[in-house]
Protein backbone atom coordinates (compact mmCIF):
# COMPACT_ATOMS: atom_id res chain seq x y z
CA UNK A 1 92.21 147.70 69.73
CA UNK A 2 95.29 146.47 67.71
CA UNK A 3 98.67 146.42 69.11
CA UNK A 4 101.56 148.79 68.28
CA UNK A 5 103.34 146.60 65.84
CA UNK A 6 100.11 146.21 63.95
CA UNK A 7 99.48 149.71 63.75
CA UNK A 8 103.11 150.31 62.64
CA UNK A 9 102.70 147.74 59.81
CA UNK A 10 99.29 149.09 58.61
CA UNK A 11 100.98 152.77 58.92
CA UNK A 12 104.07 151.76 56.59
CA UNK A 13 101.80 149.86 53.95
CA UNK A 14 99.69 153.09 53.56
CA UNK A 15 102.79 155.25 53.14
CA UNK A 16 102.70 156.63 49.35
CA UNK A 17 105.01 154.66 46.91
CA UNK A 18 104.91 151.66 49.57
CA UNK A 19 103.34 148.29 48.42
CA UNK A 20 104.54 145.78 50.93
CA UNK A 21 106.27 145.56 54.40
CA UNK A 22 109.37 143.52 55.21
CA UNK A 23 108.13 141.90 58.81
CA UNK A 24 110.91 140.52 60.84
CA UNK A 25 109.23 138.40 63.24
CA UNK A 26 111.04 135.84 65.76
CA UNK A 27 108.24 134.48 67.43
CA UNK A 28 104.73 133.13 65.87
CA UNK A 29 102.96 135.65 68.14
CA UNK A 30 104.85 138.62 66.54
CA UNK A 31 104.18 137.19 63.28
CA UNK A 32 100.28 136.94 63.74
CA UNK A 33 100.43 140.96 65.15
CA UNK A 34 101.77 141.88 61.95
CA UNK A 35 99.78 139.83 59.69
CA UNK A 36 96.53 141.30 61.22
CA UNK A 37 97.31 144.74 59.53
CA UNK A 38 96.20 143.19 56.42
CA UNK A 39 92.87 142.79 57.60
CA UNK A 40 92.68 146.30 59.35
CA UNK A 41 90.51 149.09 57.77
CA UNK A 42 92.59 151.99 56.59
CA UNK A 43 94.14 154.40 59.30
CA UNK A 44 92.33 157.60 59.31
CA UNK A 45 93.80 161.09 58.05
CA UNK A 46 93.62 161.96 61.79
CA UNK A 47 95.79 158.81 62.94
CA UNK A 48 98.33 159.02 59.97
CA UNK A 49 98.94 162.58 60.65
CA UNK A 50 99.64 161.73 64.50
CA UNK A 51 101.78 158.69 63.53
CA UNK A 52 103.67 161.01 60.97
CA UNK A 53 104.51 163.37 63.74
CA UNK A 54 106.02 160.62 66.13
CA UNK A 55 107.98 159.27 63.16
CA UNK A 56 109.24 162.76 62.34
CA UNK A 57 110.10 163.42 65.86
CA UNK A 58 112.59 160.62 66.34
CA UNK A 59 116.04 161.60 66.52
CA UNK A 60 118.16 161.15 63.36
CA UNK A 61 121.89 160.36 63.10
CA UNK A 62 123.92 163.12 61.13
CA UNK A 63 125.76 161.58 58.29
CA UNK A 64 129.10 163.52 57.87
CA UNK A 65 130.75 164.25 54.25
């Protein structure tokens, strides 16, 4: 089983139009976890759908004109 950050990086890189992810690691183990995403199998459509649901359910800050 992969950690949250590894899965998050894999999800980001599987988004249409995204070719890479900028990773902000402050500790070596964070970098190691993020780099594992490169060797992960592609996420299934079911996983992608579930993760998309999480992303789109986050509260958004409203921009005022």
